[in-house]
Amino acid sequence: MAVSANWRGWVLGPAMAVLIIGLPLMYQRYRLTTWKRLRVVVPGRVYRSGQMTATGFEDSLRRLGIRTVINVQNEYPDPALRRGFFDSRKVSEREICERLGVRYIHLEPDLVPPKLTPQHRPAVIERFLEIMDDEANYPILIHCKAGLHRTGVLVALYRREYQHWSATRALEELKDRGFGDAAATSANLYVSQYVLDYQPRSTRLCCVESEGGTK
């Protein structure tokens, strides 16, 4: 009898430990995969994320009323999404958007030679501003693969242009949202050209008018 009780203890103890530790980890992994770093930038207007599963992506588009998706993965103009956490079959992201009547836009973040900045800036910035200027496009979801770097600099650009954040404040949020302290410096050309050196249009206009007035 004692042997039987000891045997059950040896089996049930590790099994319970696996359940107690493993299930929360599995659930956390499920959420991360399904809704990859889905975050609010401006409630009801702008959201950001990584590449979700098809299930999480469709749920997010419906639940948030997304009208426009901006995919900024240079290497994947139309990502093939896993259907679900337990389903490795693939489905086109663009196809999901078309089925739901959501506008799908692919942008490729680019850079200009450092010696040309800040007078010149990446070409994709103008296209991004054109999209964000159009009220018919909102709510908008911006995403890349991980939802940290390319998405991060475009969100920082949005903060600077439309919410009048300082470069310092936008940089701090960039770090807080996972870009990394070591990477989020002026040595990173994406950080310098999209965030630190970026001049909001209102500032550029004031400078032009000021220069014109001094002549």
C-alpha atoms as a PDB file:
ATOM      1  CA  MET A   1       0.000   0.000   0.000  1.00  0.00           C
ATOM      2  CA  ALA A   2       2.813   2.387   0.925  1.00  0.00           C
ATOM      3  CA  VAL A   3       4.665   1.470  -2.259  1.00  0.00           C
ATOM      4  CA  SER A   4       1.574   2.267  -4.323  1.00  0.00           C
ATOM      5  CA  ALA A   5       1.143   5.639  -2.623  1.00  0.00           C
ATOM      6  CA  ASN A   6       4.797   6.500  -3.175  1.00  0.00           C
ATOM      7  CA  TRP A   7       4.532   5.543  -6.849  1.00  0.00           C
ATOM      8  CA  ARG A   8       1.518   7.813  -7.311  1.00  0.00           C
ATOM      9  CA  GLY A   9       3.411  10.638  -5.635  1.00  0.00           C
ATOM     10  CA  TRP A  10       6.394  10.231  -7.942  1.00  0.00           C
ATOM     11  CA  VAL A  11       4.119  10.310 -10.991  1.00  0.00           C
ATOM     12  CA  LEU A  12       1.558  12.910  -9.980  1.00  0.00           C
ATOM     13  CA  GLY A  13       4.068  15.404  -8.573  1.00  0.00           C
ATOM     14  CA  PRO A  14       5.986  16.020 -11.810  1.00  0.00           C
ATOM     15  CA  ALA A  15       2.741  15.845 -13.808  1.00  0.00           C
ATOM     16  CA  MET A  16       1.186  18.598 -11.718  1.00  0.00           C
ATOM     17  CA  ALA A  17       4.349  20.684 -12.019  1.00  0.00           C
ATOM     18  CA  VAL A  18       4.219  20.354 -15.802  1.00  0.00           C
ATOM     19  CA  LEU A  19       0.576  21.470 -15.821  1.00  0.00           C
ATOM     20  CA  ILE A  20       1.123  24.389 -13.451  1.00  0.00           C
ATOM     21  CA  ILE A  21       4.169  25.701 -15.321  1.00  0.00           C
ATOM     22  CA  GLY A  22       3.498  24.444 -18.842  1.00  0.00           C
ATOM     23  CA  LEU A  23      -0.087  25.565 -19.378  1.00  0.00           C
ATOM     24  CA  PRO A  24       0.510  29.287 -18.678  1.00  0.00           C
ATOM     25  CA  LEU A  25       3.598  29.192 -20.927  1.00  0.00           C
ATOM     26  CA  MET A  26       1.609  27.480 -23.665  1.00  0.00           C
ATOM     27  CA  TYR A  27      -1.189  30.046 -23.354  1.00  0.00           C
ATOM     28  CA  GLN A  28       1.322  32.902 -23.482  1.00  0.00           C
ATOM     29  CA  ARG A  29       2.846  31.395 -26.604  1.00  0.00           C
ATOM     30  CA  TYR A  30      -0.604  30.974 -28.132  1.00  0.00           C
ATOM     31  CA  ARG A  31      -1.460  34.639 -27.561  1.00  0.00           C
ATOM     32  CA  LEU A  32       1.889  35.851 -28.921  1.00  0.00           C
ATOM     33  CA  THR A  33       1.566  33.747 -32.068  1.00  0.00           C
ATOM     34  CA  THR A  34      -2.108  34.537 -32.654  1.00  0.00           C
ATOM     35  CA  TRP A  35      -2.060  38.303 -31.957  1.00  0.00           C
ATOM     36  CA  LYS A  36       1.637  39.054 -32.455  1.00  0.00           C
ATOM     37  CA  ARG A  37       2.342  42.134 -30.324  1.00  0.00           C
ATOM     38  CA  LEU A  38      -0.953  43.786 -31.252  1.00  0.00           C
ATOM     39  CA  ARG A  39      -0.916  47.190 -29.548  1.00  0.00           C
ATOM     40  CA  VAL A  40      -2.901  50.416 -29.565  1.00  0.00           C
ATOM     41  CA  VAL A  41      -1.115  53.497 -30.886  1.00  0.00           C
ATOM     42  CA  VAL A  42      -4.166  55.786 -30.952  1.00  0.00           C
ATOM     43  CA  PRO A  43      -7.487  54.203 -29.872  1.00  0.00           C
ATOM     44  CA  GLY A  44      -9.877  53.816 -32.778  1.00  0.00           C
ATOM     45  CA  ARG A  45      -7.316  55.124 -35.291  1.00  0.00           C
ATOM     46  CA  VAL A  46      -3.884  53.497 -35.360  1.00  0.00           C
ATOM     47  CA  TYR A  47      -2.709  50.060 -34.247  1.00  0.00           C
ATOM     48  CA  ARG A  48       0.547  48.137 -34.599  1.00  0.00           C
ATOM     49  CA  SER A  49       1.550  44.490 -34.539  1.00  0.00           C
ATOM     50  CA  GLY A  50       3.801  41.757 -35.804  1.00  0.00           C
ATOM     51  CA  GLN A  51       2.684  39.085 -38.247  1.00  0.00           C
ATOM     52  CA  MET A  52      -0.269  37.243 -36.715  1.00  0.00           C
ATOM     53  CA  THR A  53      -1.893  33.958 -37.596  1.00  0.00           C
ATOM     54  CA  ALA A  54      -4.772  34.167 -40.067  1.00  0.00           C
ATOM     55  CA  THR A  55      -7.182  33.574 -37.178  1.00  0.00           C
ATOM     56  CA  GLY A  56      -5.718  36.395 -35.083  1.00  0.00           C
ATOM     57  CA  PHE A  57      -5.395  38.711 -38.072  1.00  0.00           C
ATOM     58  CA  GLU A  58      -9.007  38.306 -39.170  1.00  0.00           C
ATOM     59  CA  ASP A  59     -10.234  38.634 -35.580  1.00  0.00           C
ATOM     60  CA  SER A  60      -8.260  41.876 -35.171  1.00  0.00           C
ATOM     61  CA  LEU A  61      -9.516  43.385 -38.424  1.00  0.00           C
ATOM     62  CA  ARG A  62     -13.122  42.662 -37.509  1.00  0.00           C
ATOM     63  CA  ARG A  63     -12.908  43.605 -33.832  1.00  0.00           C
ATOM     64  CA  LEU A  64     -11.027  46.874 -34.371  1.00  0.00           C
ATOM     65  CA  GLY A  65     -12.890  47.830 -37.546  1.00  0.00           C
ATOM     66  CA  ILE A  66      -9.627  48.151 -39.483  1.00  0.00           C
ATOM     67  CA  ARG A  67     -10.022  49.767 -42.912  1.00  0.00           C
ATOM     68  CA  THR A  68      -6.376  49.759 -44.007  1.00  0.00           C
ATOM     69  CA  VAL A  69      -3.485  47.371 -43.394  1.00  0.00           C
ATOM     70  CA  ILE A  70       0.066  48.583 -44.048  1.00  0.00           C
ATOM     71  CA  ASN A  71       2.541  45.716 -44.325  1.00  0.00           C
ATOM     72  CA  VAL A  72       6.125  47.002 -44.083  1.00  0.00           C
ATOM     73  CA  GLN A  73       7.987  43.741 -44.612  1.00  0.00           C
ATOM     74  CA  ASN A  74      10.395  44.482 -47.469  1.00  0.00           C
ATOM     75  CA  GLU A  75      10.889  40.792 -48.164  1.00  0.00           C
ATOM     76  CA  TYR A  76       7.229  39.701 -48.037  1.00  0.00           C
ATOM     77  CA  PRO A  77       4.821  41.865 -50.100  1.00  0.00           C
ATOM     78  CA  ASP A  78       2.037  39.369 -49.299  1.00  0.00           C
ATOM     79  CA  PRO A  79       2.889  37.168 -46.294  1.00  0.00           C
ATOM     80  CA  ALA A  80       1.589  33.610 -46.142  1.00  0.00           C
ATOM     81  CA  LEU A  81      -0.005  33.401 -42.687  1.00  0.00           C
ATOM     82  CA  ARG A  82      -0.408  30.247 -40.657  1.00  0.00           C
ATOM     83  CA  ARG A  83      -4.107  29.545 -40.363  1.00  0.00           C
ATOM     84  CA  GLY A  84      -3.853  29.063 -36.616  1.00  0.00           C
ATOM     85  CA  PHE A  85      -1.661  28.146 -33.675  1.00  0.00           C
ATOM     86  CA  PHE A  86      -2.275  24.439 -34.260  1.00  0.00           C
ATOM     87  CA  ASP A  87      -2.831  24.708 -38.012  1.00  0.00           C
ATOM     88  CA  SER A  88       0.261  25.187 -40.179  1.00  0.00           C
ATOM     89  CA  ARG A  89      -1.655  25.531 -43.454  1.00  0.00           C
ATOM     90  CA  LYS A  90      -1.049  28.912 -45.088  1.00  0.00           C
ATOM     91  CA  VAL A  91      -3.312  31.666 -46.371  1.00  0.00           C
ATOM     92  CA  SER A  92      -2.500  34.938 -48.141  1.00  0.00           C
ATOM     93  CA  GLU A  93      -2.736  38.073 -45.997  1.00  0.00           C
ATOM     94  CA  ARG A  94      -3.863  40.110 -48.985  1.00  0.00           C
ATOM     95  CA  GLU A  95      -6.590  37.541 -49.679  1.00  0.00           C
ATOM     96  CA  ILE A  96      -7.969  37.949 -46.153  1.00  0.00           C
ATOM     97  CA  CYS A  97      -8.043  41.739 -46.551  1.00  0.00           C
ATOM     98  CA  GLU A  98      -9.783  41.564 -49.927  1.00  0.00           C
ATOM     99  CA  ARG A  99     -12.402  39.191 -48.548  1.00  0.00           C
ATOM    100  CA  LEU A 100     -13.138  41.573 -45.663  1.00  0.00           C
ATOM    101  CA  GLY A 101     -13.081  44.716 -47.800  1.00  0.00           C
ATOM    102  CA  VAL A 102      -9.929  46.052 -46.142  1.00  0.00           C
ATOM    103  CA  ARG A 103      -7.429  48.099 -48.146  1.00  0.00           C
ATOM    104  CA  TYR A 104      -4.051  46.352 -48.306  1.00  0.00           C
ATOM    105  CA  ILE A 105      -0.836  48.360 -48.810  1.00  0.00           C
ATOM    106  CA  HIS A 106       2.736  47.129 -48.981  1.00  0.00           C
ATOM    107  CA  LEU A 107       5.481  49.629 -48.123  1.00  0.00           C
ATOM    108  CA  GLU A 108       9.214  48.998 -48.243  1.00  0.00           C
ATOM    109  CA  PRO A 109      11.100  51.176 -45.735  1.00  0.00           C
ATOM    110  CA  ASP A 110      14.179  52.523 -47.501  1.00  0.00           C
ATOM    111  CA  LEU A 111      17.212  54.635 -46.605  1.00  0.00           C
ATOM    112  CA  VAL A 112      19.143  57.457 -48.235  1.00  0.00           C
ATOM    113  CA  PRO A 113      22.931  57.872 -48.080  1.00  0.00           C
ATOM    114  CA  PRO A 114      23.785  59.437 -44.681  1.00  0.00           C
ATOM    115  CA  LYS A 115      25.609  62.345 -46.329  1.00  0.00           C
ATOM    116  CA  LEU A 116      22.327  63.461 -47.922  1.00  0.00           C
ATOM    117  CA  THR A 117      20.388  63.758 -44.664  1.00  0.00           C
ATOM    118  CA  PRO A 118      18.534  65.636 -43.298  1.00  0.00           C
ATOM    119  CA  GLN A 119      17.952  67.595 -46.537  1.00  0.00           C
ATOM    120  CA  HIS A 120      16.795  64.373 -48.211  1.00  0.00           C
ATOM    121  CA  ARG A 121      14.785  61.603 -46.597  1.00  0.00           C
ATOM    122  CA  PRO A 122      13.633  58.060 -47.469  1.00  0.00           C
ATOM    123  CA  ALA A 123      11.141  57.951 -50.341  1.00  0.00           C
ATOM    124  CA  VAL A 124       8.690  55.764 -48.432  1.00  0.00           C
ATOM    125  CA  ILE A 125       8.101  58.558 -45.924  1.00  0.00           C
ATOM    126  CA  GLU A 126       6.162  60.588 -48.494  1.00  0.00           C
ATOM    127  CA  ARG A 127       4.015  57.594 -49.379  1.00  0.00           C
ATOM    128  CA  PHE A 128       3.389  56.867 -45.690  1.00  0.00           C
ATOM    129  CA  LEU A 129       2.321  60.460 -45.036  1.00  0.00           C
ATOM    130  CA  GLU A 130       0.013  60.373 -48.042  1.00  0.00           C
ATOM    131  CA  ILE A 131      -1.733  57.300 -46.614  1.00  0.00           C
ATOM    132  CA  MET A 132      -1.956  58.704 -43.092  1.00  0.00           C
ATOM    133  CA  ASP A 133      -3.295  62.049 -44.377  1.00  0.00           C
ATOM    134  CA  ASP A 134      -6.382  60.352 -45.830  1.00  0.00           C
ATOM    135  CA  GLU A 135      -9.107  60.094 -43.186  1.00  0.00           C
ATOM    136  CA  ALA A 136     -10.894  57.454 -45.266  1.00  0.00           C
ATOM    137  CA  ASN A 137      -8.077  55.005 -44.448  1.00  0.00           C
ATOM    138  CA  TYR A 138      -8.674  54.917 -40.691  1.00  0.00           C
ATOM    139  CA  PRO A 139      -8.550  52.831 -38.565  1.00  0.00           C
ATOM    140  CA  ILE A 140      -5.122  51.640 -39.745  1.00  0.00           C
ATOM    141  CA  LEU A 141      -3.005  48.648 -38.728  1.00  0.00           C
ATOM    142  CA  ILE A 142       0.765  48.868 -39.335  1.00  0.00           C
ATOM    143  CA  HIS A 143       2.779  45.675 -39.083  1.00  0.00           C
ATOM    144  CA  CYS A 144       6.041  43.951 -39.968  1.00  0.00           C
ATOM    145  CA  LYS A 145       7.315  40.485 -39.014  1.00  0.00           C
ATOM    146  CA  ALA A 146       8.061  41.007 -35.322  1.00  0.00           C
ATOM    147  CA  GLY A 147       6.206  44.285 -34.792  1.00  0.00           C
ATOM    148  CA  LEU A 148       9.283  45.943 -33.267  1.00  0.00           C
ATOM    149  CA  HIS A 149      11.662  47.610 -35.708  1.00  0.00           C
ATOM    150  CA  ARG A 150      10.226  48.686 -39.064  1.00  0.00           C
ATOM    151  CA  THR A 151       6.807  49.091 -37.464  1.00  0.00           C
ATOM    152  CA  GLY A 152       8.434  50.940 -34.572  1.00  0.00           C
ATOM    153  CA  VAL A 153      10.127  53.614 -36.672  1.00  0.00           C
ATOM    154  CA  LEU A 154       6.976  54.283 -38.695  1.00  0.00           C
ATOM    155  CA  VAL A 155       4.914  54.620 -35.525  1.00  0.00           C
ATOM    156  CA  ALA A 156       7.563  56.995 -34.172  1.00  0.00           C
ATOM    157  CA  LEU A 157       7.286  58.953 -37.421  1.00  0.00           C
ATOM    158  CA  TYR A 158       3.506  59.083 -36.952  1.00  0.00           C
ATOM    159  CA  ARG A 159       3.977  60.370 -33.394  1.00  0.00           C
ATOM    160  CA  ARG A 160       6.318  63.120 -34.607  1.00  0.00           C
ATOM    161  CA  GLU A 161       4.226  64.247 -37.588  1.00  0.00           C
ATOM    162  CA  TYR A 162       0.648  63.925 -36.362  1.00  0.00           C
ATOM    163  CA  GLN A 163       0.948  64.130 -32.571  1.00  0.00           C
ATOM    164  CA  HIS A 164       3.842  66.587 -32.450  1.00  0.00           C
ATOM    165  CA  TRP A 165       6.002  64.425 -30.200  1.00  0.00           C
ATOM    166  CA  SER A 166       9.625  65.418 -29.741  1.00  0.00           C
ATOM    167  CA  ALA A 167      12.339  63.164 -31.125  1.00  0.00           C
ATOM    168  CA  THR A 168      13.349  62.281 -27.570  1.00  0.00           C
ATOM    169  CA  ARG A 169       9.849  61.200 -26.571  1.00  0.00           C
ATOM    170  CA  ALA A 170       9.359  59.168 -29.752  1.00  0.00           C
ATOM    171  CA  LEU A 171      12.734  57.500 -29.224  1.00  0.00           C
ATOM    172  CA  GLU A 172      11.847  56.536 -25.650  1.00  0.00           C
ATOM    173  CA  GLU A 173       8.645  54.860 -26.793  1.00  0.00           C
ATOM    174  CA  LEU A 174      10.595  53.082 -29.521  1.00  0.00           C
ATOM    175  CA  LYS A 175      12.875  51.599 -26.866  1.00  0.00           C
ATOM    176  CA  ASP A 176      10.001  50.742 -24.524  1.00  0.00           C
ATOM    177  CA  ARG A 177       8.180  48.849 -27.278  1.00  0.00           C
ATOM    178  CA  GLY A 178      11.060  46.451 -27.840  1.00  0.00           C
ATOM    179  CA  PHE A 179      13.398  48.112 -30.322  1.00  0.00           C
ATOM    180  CA  GLY A 180      16.186  47.821 -27.762  1.00  0.00           C
ATOM    181  CA  ASP A 181      18.340  50.449 -26.049  1.00  0.00           C
ATOM    182  CA  ALA A 182      21.496  49.393 -27.876  1.00  0.00           C
ATOM    183  CA  ALA A 183      19.839  49.502 -31.319  1.00  0.00           C
ATOM    184  CA  ALA A 184      17.775  52.683 -30.825  1.00  0.00           C
ATOM    185  CA  THR A 185      20.584  55.198 -31.352  1.00  0.00           C
ATOM    186  CA  SER A 186      21.665  57.634 -34.045  1.00  0.00           C
ATOM    187  CA  ALA A 187      24.046  54.952 -35.329  1.00  0.00           C
ATOM    188  CA  ASN A 188      21.006  53.046 -36.598  1.00  0.00           C
ATOM    189  CA  LEU A 189      20.145  54.661 -39.923  1.00  0.00           C
ATOM    190  CA  TYR A 190      16.451  53.801 -39.634  1.00  0.00           C
ATOM    191  CA  VAL A 191      16.299  55.484 -36.239  1.00  0.00           C
ATOM    192  CA  SER A 192      18.213  58.547 -37.409  1.00  0.00           C
ATOM    193  CA  GLN A 193      16.369  59.024 -40.722  1.00  0.00           C
ATOM    194  CA  TYR A 194      12.818  58.161 -39.602  1.00  0.00           C
ATOM    195  CA  VAL A 195      12.886  59.547 -36.061  1.00  0.00           C
ATOM    196  CA  LEU A 196      15.803  61.718 -34.969  1.00  0.00           C
ATOM    197  CA  ASP A 197      16.432  63.653 -38.197  1.00  0.00           C
ATOM    198  CA  TYR A 198      12.798  63.773 -39.257  1.00  0.00           C
ATOM    199  CA  GLN A 199      11.379  67.275 -39.536  1.00  0.00           C
ATOM    200  CA  PRO A 200       7.568  67.441 -39.303  1.00  0.00           C
ATOM    201  CA  ARG A 201       5.983  69.260 -42.221  1.00  0.00           C
ATOM    202  CA  SER A 202       4.770  72.084 -39.991  1.00  0.00           C
ATOM    203  CA  THR A 203       8.354  72.706 -38.881  1.00  0.00           C
ATOM    204  CA  ARG A 204       9.691  72.561 -42.418  1.00  0.00           C
ATOM    205  CA  LEU A 205       7.009  75.009 -43.580  1.00  0.00           C
ATOM    206  CA  CYS A 206       7.846  77.451 -40.802  1.00  0.00           C
ATOM    207  CA  CYS A 207      11.519  77.293 -41.720  1.00  0.00           C
ATOM    208  CA  VAL A 208      10.763  77.948 -45.397  1.00  0.00           C
ATOM    209  CA  GLU A 209       8.495  80.897 -44.539  1.00  0.00           C
ATOM    210  CA  SER A 210      11.091  82.274 -42.147  1.00  0.00           C
ATOM    211  CA  GLU A 211      13.823  82.059 -44.755  1.00  0.00           C
ATOM    212  CA  GLY A 212      11.554  83.691 -47.307  1.00  0.00           C
ATOM    213  CA  GLY A 213      10.732  86.516 -44.920  1.00  0.00           C
ATOM    214  CA  THR A 214      14.357  87.387 -44.299  1.00  0.00           C
ATOM    215  CA  LYS A 215      15.129  88.037 -47.943  1.00  0.00           C
END
